[in-house]
């Protein structure tokens, strides 16, 4: 006659009238309550982790927006640099060309100064 208490076939170390854990009715003495509590704790952990993940995703979105802004600024800076580099290249080309023209003019002038007296003296 097992009634869920130690007296009808229970072990000898349990006293009369004390409930056995394996025969205890559901809901009493924490059998399903502890299981439900464990499940609720697991759910709370998962919810906490999901909240952290959502916060990290939102933070990542903000970081991506910052990166997009910086990328735009860098693209603008690169375009300005290319324009300035082209302007400097043109300026330096003209300076170099002027120097070459001056050197060529001096050489032509020296040739004229040297050659003209020689040609005039030979006549």
N, C-alpha and C. Protein backbone atom coordinates (compact mmCIF):
# COMPACT_ATOMS: atom_id res chain seq x y z
N UNK A 1 0.83 -1.17 0.00
CA UNK A 1 0.00 0.00 0.00
C UNK A 1 0.87 1.24 0.00
N UNK A 2 1.24 1.71 -1.16
CA UNK A 2 2.10 2.87 -1.26
C UNK A 2 1.25 4.10 -1.41
N UNK A 3 1.36 4.98 -0.45
CA UNK A 3 0.54 6.18 -0.47
C UNK A 3 1.39 7.42 -0.67
N UNK A 4 2.65 7.27 -0.97
CA UNK A 4 3.51 8.43 -1.15
C UNK A 4 4.21 8.81 0.12
N UNK A 5 4.05 8.01 1.15
CA UNK A 5 4.71 8.29 2.41
C UNK A 5 5.58 7.11 2.78
N UNK A 6 6.49 7.31 3.71
CA UNK A 6 7.50 6.33 4.05
C UNK A 6 6.97 5.00 4.55
N UNK A 7 5.77 4.90 4.95
CA UNK A 7 5.28 3.68 5.54
C UNK A 7 4.92 2.66 4.50
N UNK A 8 4.69 2.40 3.64
CA UNK A 8 4.28 1.30 2.79
C UNK A 8 5.32 0.94 1.79
N UNK A 9 6.45 0.45 2.20
CA UNK A 9 7.46 -0.03 1.28
C UNK A 9 8.59 0.94 1.09
N UNK A 10 8.62 1.98 1.85
CA UNK A 10 9.71 2.94 1.75
C UNK A 10 10.96 2.38 2.37
N UNK A 11 12.05 3.07 2.30
CA UNK A 11 13.30 2.59 2.87
C UNK A 11 13.24 2.72 4.38
N UNK A 12 14.10 1.98 5.04
CA UNK A 12 14.09 1.91 6.48
C UNK A 12 14.59 3.19 7.12
N UNK A 13 15.39 4.00 6.41
CA UNK A 13 15.92 5.19 7.03
C UNK A 13 14.93 6.34 7.04
N UNK A 14 13.80 6.21 6.38
CA UNK A 14 12.80 7.27 6.40
C UNK A 14 11.80 6.97 7.51
N UNK A 15 11.36 8.01 8.14
CA UNK A 15 10.44 7.83 9.25
C UNK A 15 9.00 7.73 8.76
N UNK A 16 8.15 7.33 9.65
CA UNK A 16 6.74 7.19 9.33
C UNK A 16 6.12 8.55 9.06
N UNK A 17 5.38 8.67 7.99
CA UNK A 17 4.67 9.89 7.67
C UNK A 17 5.50 10.96 6.98
N UNK A 18 6.78 10.71 6.73
CA UNK A 18 7.57 11.71 6.00
C UNK A 18 7.45 11.43 4.51
N UNK A 19 7.27 12.46 3.72
CA UNK A 19 7.07 12.24 2.29
C UNK A 19 8.37 11.80 1.61
N UNK A 20 8.22 10.92 0.63
CA UNK A 20 9.36 10.52 -0.19
C UNK A 20 9.41 11.43 -1.41
N UNK A 21 10.59 11.82 -1.79
CA UNK A 21 10.74 12.80 -2.86
C UNK A 21 10.24 12.25 -4.19
N UNK A 22 10.51 10.99 -4.51
CA UNK A 22 10.10 10.46 -5.79
C UNK A 22 8.60 10.21 -5.87
N UNK A 23 7.94 10.09 -4.73
CA UNK A 23 6.50 9.87 -4.73
C UNK A 23 5.71 11.13 -4.40
N UNK A 24 6.40 12.26 -4.19
CA UNK A 24 5.70 13.48 -3.78
C UNK A 24 4.84 13.98 -4.93
N UNK A 25 3.64 14.45 -4.64
CA UNK A 25 2.77 14.96 -5.70
C UNK A 25 3.40 16.19 -6.37
N UNK A 26 3.12 16.36 -7.65
CA UNK A 26 3.67 17.49 -8.39
C UNK A 26 3.19 18.78 -7.77
N UNK A 27 4.08 19.76 -7.69
CA UNK A 27 3.71 21.05 -7.15
C UNK A 27 4.01 21.18 -5.68
N UNK A 28 4.21 20.09 -4.97
CA UNK A 28 4.53 20.21 -3.56
C UNK A 28 6.00 19.90 -3.34
N UNK A 29 6.60 20.48 -2.36
CA UNK A 29 7.97 20.27 -1.94
C UNK A 29 8.98 20.60 -3.04
N UNK A 30 8.61 21.42 -3.97
CA UNK A 30 9.56 21.95 -4.94
C UNK A 30 9.91 21.02 -6.08
N UNK A 31 9.25 19.93 -6.30
CA UNK A 31 9.57 19.02 -7.39
C UNK A 31 9.49 19.74 -8.73
N UNK A 32 8.32 20.16 -9.12
CA UNK A 32 8.18 20.87 -10.39
C UNK A 32 8.46 22.35 -10.19
N UNK A 33 8.32 22.83 -8.96
CA UNK A 33 8.59 24.24 -8.69
C UNK A 33 10.06 24.55 -8.95
N UNK A 34 10.96 23.68 -8.49
CA UNK A 34 12.38 23.93 -8.72
C UNK A 34 12.70 23.81 -10.21
N UNK A 35 12.05 22.89 -10.90
CA UNK A 35 12.26 22.74 -12.33
C UNK A 35 11.76 23.99 -13.06
N UNK A 36 10.59 24.47 -12.66
CA UNK A 36 10.05 25.69 -13.25
C UNK A 36 10.93 26.89 -12.94
N UNK A 37 11.47 26.90 -11.74
CA UNK A 37 12.37 27.98 -11.35
C UNK A 37 13.65 27.93 -12.19
N UNK A 38 14.17 26.72 -12.40
CA UNK A 38 15.36 26.57 -13.24
C UNK A 38 15.09 27.03 -14.67
N UNK A 39 13.93 26.64 -15.19
CA UNK A 39 13.56 27.03 -16.55
C UNK A 39 13.43 28.56 -16.62
N UNK A 40 12.81 29.16 -15.60
CA UNK A 40 12.66 30.61 -15.59
C UNK A 40 14.02 31.29 -15.52
N UNK A 41 14.94 30.74 -14.75
CA UNK A 41 16.29 31.30 -14.69
C UNK A 41 16.97 31.21 -16.05
N UNK A 42 16.81 30.06 -16.72
CA UNK A 42 17.40 29.92 -18.06
C UNK A 42 16.79 30.93 -19.02
N UNK A 43 15.48 31.11 -18.94
CA UNK A 43 14.81 32.08 -19.80
C UNK A 43 15.34 33.48 -19.51
N UNK A 44 15.49 33.80 -18.22
CA UNK A 44 16.02 35.12 -17.84
C UNK A 44 17.44 35.31 -18.38
N UNK A 45 18.27 34.25 -18.32
CA UNK A 45 19.62 34.34 -18.86
C UNK A 45 19.58 34.61 -20.36
N UNK A 46 18.72 33.86 -21.06
CA UNK A 46 18.63 34.02 -22.51
C UNK A 46 18.13 35.42 -22.86
N UNK A 47 17.14 35.90 -22.11
CA UNK A 47 16.62 37.25 -22.35
C UNK A 47 17.72 38.28 -22.11
N UNK A 48 18.49 38.09 -21.06
CA UNK A 48 19.60 39.01 -20.77
C UNK A 48 20.63 39.00 -21.89
N UNK A 49 20.98 37.81 -22.36
CA UNK A 49 21.94 37.70 -23.45
C UNK A 49 21.39 38.35 -24.70
N UNK A 50 20.12 38.13 -24.99
CA UNK A 50 19.51 38.73 -26.18
C UNK A 50 19.49 40.26 -26.06
N UNK A 51 19.20 40.77 -24.87
CA UNK A 51 19.23 42.23 -24.68
C UNK A 51 20.63 42.78 -24.91
N UNK A 52 21.65 42.07 -24.41
CA UNK A 52 23.03 42.49 -24.65
C UNK A 52 23.34 42.48 -26.15
N UNK A 53 22.88 41.42 -26.83
CA UNK A 53 23.12 41.32 -28.27
C UNK A 53 22.44 42.45 -29.02
N UNK A 54 21.23 42.79 -28.63
CA UNK A 54 20.51 43.89 -29.28
C UNK A 54 21.27 45.19 -29.05
N UNK A 55 21.75 45.41 -27.83
CA UNK A 55 22.51 46.62 -27.54
C UNK A 55 23.79 46.67 -28.37
N UNK A 56 24.45 45.51 -28.51
CA UNK A 56 25.67 45.48 -29.31
C UNK A 56 25.36 45.75 -30.78
N UNK A 57 24.26 45.22 -31.29
CA UNK A 57 23.89 45.46 -32.69
C UNK A 57 23.57 46.94 -32.88
N UNK A 58 22.87 47.54 -31.93
CA UNK A 58 22.56 48.97 -32.04
C UNK A 58 23.85 49.79 -31.99
N UNK A 59 24.76 49.41 -31.11
CA UNK A 59 26.05 50.10 -31.04
C UNK A 59 26.84 49.91 -32.32
N UNK A 60 26.75 48.72 -32.89
CA UNK A 60 27.43 48.46 -34.16
C UNK A 60 26.85 49.33 -35.26
N UNK A 61 25.53 49.49 -35.25
CA UNK A 61 24.90 50.37 -36.24
C UNK A 61 25.40 51.80 -36.11
N UNK A 62 25.52 52.27 -34.88
CA UNK A 62 26.04 53.62 -34.66
C UNK A 62 27.49 53.72 -35.14
N UNK A 63 28.28 52.68 -34.85
CA UNK A 63 29.67 52.67 -35.29
C UNK A 63 29.74 52.67 -36.82
N UNK A 64 28.85 51.92 -37.47
CA UNK A 64 28.84 51.90 -38.93
C UNK A 64 28.49 53.26 -39.50
N UNK A 65 27.55 53.96 -38.85
CA UNK A 65 27.22 55.31 -39.31
C UNK A 65 28.42 56.24 -39.17
N UNK A 66 29.13 56.12 -38.04
CA UNK A 66 30.34 56.93 -37.85
C UNK A 66 31.37 56.61 -38.93
N UNK A 67 31.54 55.32 -39.22
CA UNK A 67 32.50 54.92 -40.24
C UNK A 67 32.10 55.43 -41.61
N UNK A 68 30.80 55.41 -41.90
CA UNK A 68 30.34 55.94 -43.19
C UNK A 68 30.65 57.42 -43.29
N UNK A 69 30.43 58.16 -42.21
CA UNK A 69 30.74 59.59 -42.21
C UNK A 69 32.23 59.84 -42.42
N UNK A 70 33.05 59.07 -41.71
CA UNK A 70 34.50 59.22 -41.86
C UNK A 70 34.94 58.85 -43.27
N UNK A 71 34.32 57.81 -43.83
CA UNK A 71 34.67 57.40 -45.19
C UNK A 71 34.34 58.50 -46.18
N UNK A 72 33.18 59.13 -46.01
CA UNK A 72 32.80 60.25 -46.87
C UNK A 72 33.79 61.39 -46.76
N UNK A 73 34.19 61.70 -45.54
CA UNK A 73 35.16 62.77 -45.33
C UNK A 73 36.50 62.42 -45.97
N UNK A 74 36.91 61.16 -45.84
CA UNK A 74 38.18 60.75 -46.44
C UNK A 74 38.09 60.80 -47.97
N UNK A 75 36.95 60.42 -48.54
CA UNK A 75 36.78 60.50 -49.99
C UNK A 75 36.86 61.94 -50.46
N UNK A 76 36.21 62.84 -49.72
CA UNK A 76 36.28 64.26 -50.07
C UNK A 76 37.71 64.77 -49.98
N UNK A 77 38.41 64.38 -48.92
CA UNK A 77 39.81 64.78 -48.75
C UNK A 77 40.69 64.24 -49.86
N UNK A 78 40.43 62.98 -50.26
CA UNK A 78 41.22 62.38 -51.34
C UNK A 78 40.98 63.12 -52.66
N UNK A 79 39.72 63.47 -52.93
CA UNK A 79 39.42 64.22 -54.16
C UNK A 79 40.11 65.58 -54.14
N UNK A 80 40.08 66.26 -53.01
CA UNK A 80 40.76 67.56 -52.88
C UNK A 80 42.26 67.39 -53.07
N UNK A 81 42.82 66.33 -52.51
CA UNK A 81 44.25 66.06 -52.66
C UNK A 81 44.60 65.84 -54.13
N UNK A 82 43.77 65.07 -54.85
CA UNK A 82 44.03 64.84 -56.28
C UNK A 82 44.00 66.15 -57.07
N UNK A 83 43.03 67.02 -56.76
CA UNK A 83 42.96 68.33 -57.44
C UNK A 83 44.21 69.15 -57.14
N UNK A 84 44.58 69.21 -55.86
CA UNK A 84 45.77 69.98 -55.48
C UNK A 84 47.03 69.39 -56.12
N UNK A 85 47.12 68.06 -56.16
CA UNK A 85 48.30 67.42 -56.77
C UNK A 85 48.37 67.75 -58.25
N UNK A 86 47.23 67.75 -58.94
CA UNK A 86 47.23 68.10 -60.37
C UNK A 86 47.65 69.55 -60.56
N UNK A 87 47.16 70.44 -59.70
CA UNK A 87 47.55 71.85 -59.79
C UNK A 87 49.05 72.02 -59.55
N UNK A 88 49.58 71.34 -58.56
CA UNK A 88 51.01 71.43 -58.26
C UNK A 88 51.82 70.86 -59.43
N UNK A 89 51.34 69.75 -60.00
CA UNK A 89 52.04 69.15 -61.14
C UNK A 89 52.11 70.13 -62.31
N UNK A 90 50.99 70.79 -62.61
CA UNK A 90 50.98 71.78 -63.70
C UNK A 90 51.92 72.94 -63.39
N UNK A 91 51.87 73.44 -62.17
CA UNK A 91 52.73 74.56 -61.77
C UNK A 91 54.20 74.18 -61.91
N UNK A 92 54.54 73.00 -61.42
CA UNK A 92 55.94 72.57 -61.50
C UNK A 92 56.35 72.35 -62.96
N UNK A 93 55.47 71.86 -63.80
CA UNK A 93 55.79 71.66 -65.21
C UNK A 93 56.10 73.01 -65.86
N UNK A 94 55.26 74.02 -65.56
CA UNK A 94 55.52 75.35 -66.13
C UNK A 94 56.83 75.95 -65.62
N UNK A 95 57.13 75.77 -64.34
CA UNK A 95 58.41 76.27 -63.81
C UNK A 95 59.58 75.59 -64.50
N UNK A 96 59.46 74.28 -64.66
CA UNK A 96 60.51 73.52 -65.32
C UNK A 96 60.66 73.98 -66.78
N UNK A 97 59.53 74.20 -67.46
CA UNK A 97 59.56 74.66 -68.85
C UNK A 97 60.20 76.05 -68.95
N UNK A 98 59.85 76.94 -68.03
CA UNK A 98 60.45 78.29 -68.04
C UNK A 98 61.96 78.20 -67.84
N UNK A 99 62.40 77.33 -66.93
CA UNK A 99 63.82 77.16 -66.69
C UNK A 99 64.51 76.64 -67.94
N UNK A 100 63.90 75.67 -68.60
CA UNK A 100 64.48 75.15 -69.84
C UNK A 100 64.55 76.24 -70.91
N UNK A 101 63.48 77.03 -71.02
CA UNK A 101 63.48 78.11 -72.01
C UNK A 101 64.56 79.14 -71.71
N UNK A 102 64.74 79.46 -70.44
CA UNK A 102 65.78 80.42 -70.05
C UNK A 102 67.16 79.86 -70.38
N UNK A 103 67.39 78.60 -70.03
CA UNK A 103 68.69 77.98 -70.32
C UNK A 103 68.89 77.94 -71.83
N UNK A 104 67.87 77.57 -72.60
CA UNK A 104 68.00 77.53 -74.07
C UNK A 104 68.29 78.93 -74.60
N UNK A 105 67.62 79.95 -74.07
CA UNK A 105 67.86 81.33 -74.50
C UNK A 105 69.28 81.76 -74.21
N UNK A 106 69.81 81.42 -73.04
CA UNK A 106 71.18 81.77 -72.67
C UNK A 106 72.15 81.07 -73.61
N UNK A 107 71.90 79.80 -73.90
CA UNK A 107 72.78 79.05 -74.80
C UNK A 107 72.76 79.68 -76.19
N UNK A 108 71.55 80.01 -76.68
CA UNK A 108 71.43 80.65 -78.00
C UNK A 108 72.15 82.00 -77.98
N UNK A 109 71.98 82.75 -76.93
CA UNK A 109 72.64 84.04 -76.82
C UNK A 109 74.16 83.89 -76.82
N UNK A 110 74.66 82.92 -76.06
CA UNK A 110 76.11 82.66 -76.05
C UNK A 110 76.60 82.24 -77.43
N UNK A 111 75.84 81.39 -78.08
CA UNK A 111 76.23 80.97 -79.42
C UNK A 111 76.28 82.18 -80.34
N UNK A 112 75.30 83.04 -80.25
CA UNK A 112 75.27 84.24 -81.10
C UNK A 112 76.46 85.13 -80.77
N UNK A 113 76.72 85.33 -79.47
CA UNK A 113 77.82 86.20 -79.07
C UNK A 113 79.15 85.61 -79.53
N UNK A 114 79.30 84.31 -79.50
CA UNK A 114 80.57 83.70 -79.88
C UNK A 114 80.66 83.56 -81.41
N UNK A 115 79.61 83.10 -82.05
CA UNK A 115 79.65 82.79 -83.47
C UNK A 115 79.63 84.06 -84.32
N UNK A 116 78.84 85.05 -84.00
CA UNK A 116 78.71 86.26 -84.83
C UNK A 116 80.05 86.97 -84.96
N UNK A 117 80.84 87.22 -83.91
CA UNK A 117 82.13 87.88 -84.12
C UNK A 117 83.08 87.05 -84.98
N UNK A 118 83.01 85.73 -84.82
CA UNK A 118 83.90 84.89 -85.61
C UNK A 118 83.51 84.98 -87.09
N UNK A 119 82.22 84.91 -87.36
CA UNK A 119 81.76 84.98 -88.76
C UNK A 119 82.06 86.37 -89.33
N UNK A 120 81.88 87.40 -88.57
CA UNK A 120 82.12 88.77 -89.05
C UNK A 120 83.62 88.96 -89.30
N UNK A 121 84.48 88.44 -88.48
CA UNK A 121 85.93 88.58 -88.64
C UNK A 121 86.45 87.81 -89.86
N UNK A 122 85.83 86.76 -90.22
CA UNK A 122 86.27 85.95 -91.35
C UNK A 122 85.94 86.66 -92.65
N UNK A 123 85.03 87.52 -92.72
CA UNK A 123 84.66 88.17 -93.97
C UNK A 123 85.63 89.19 -94.25
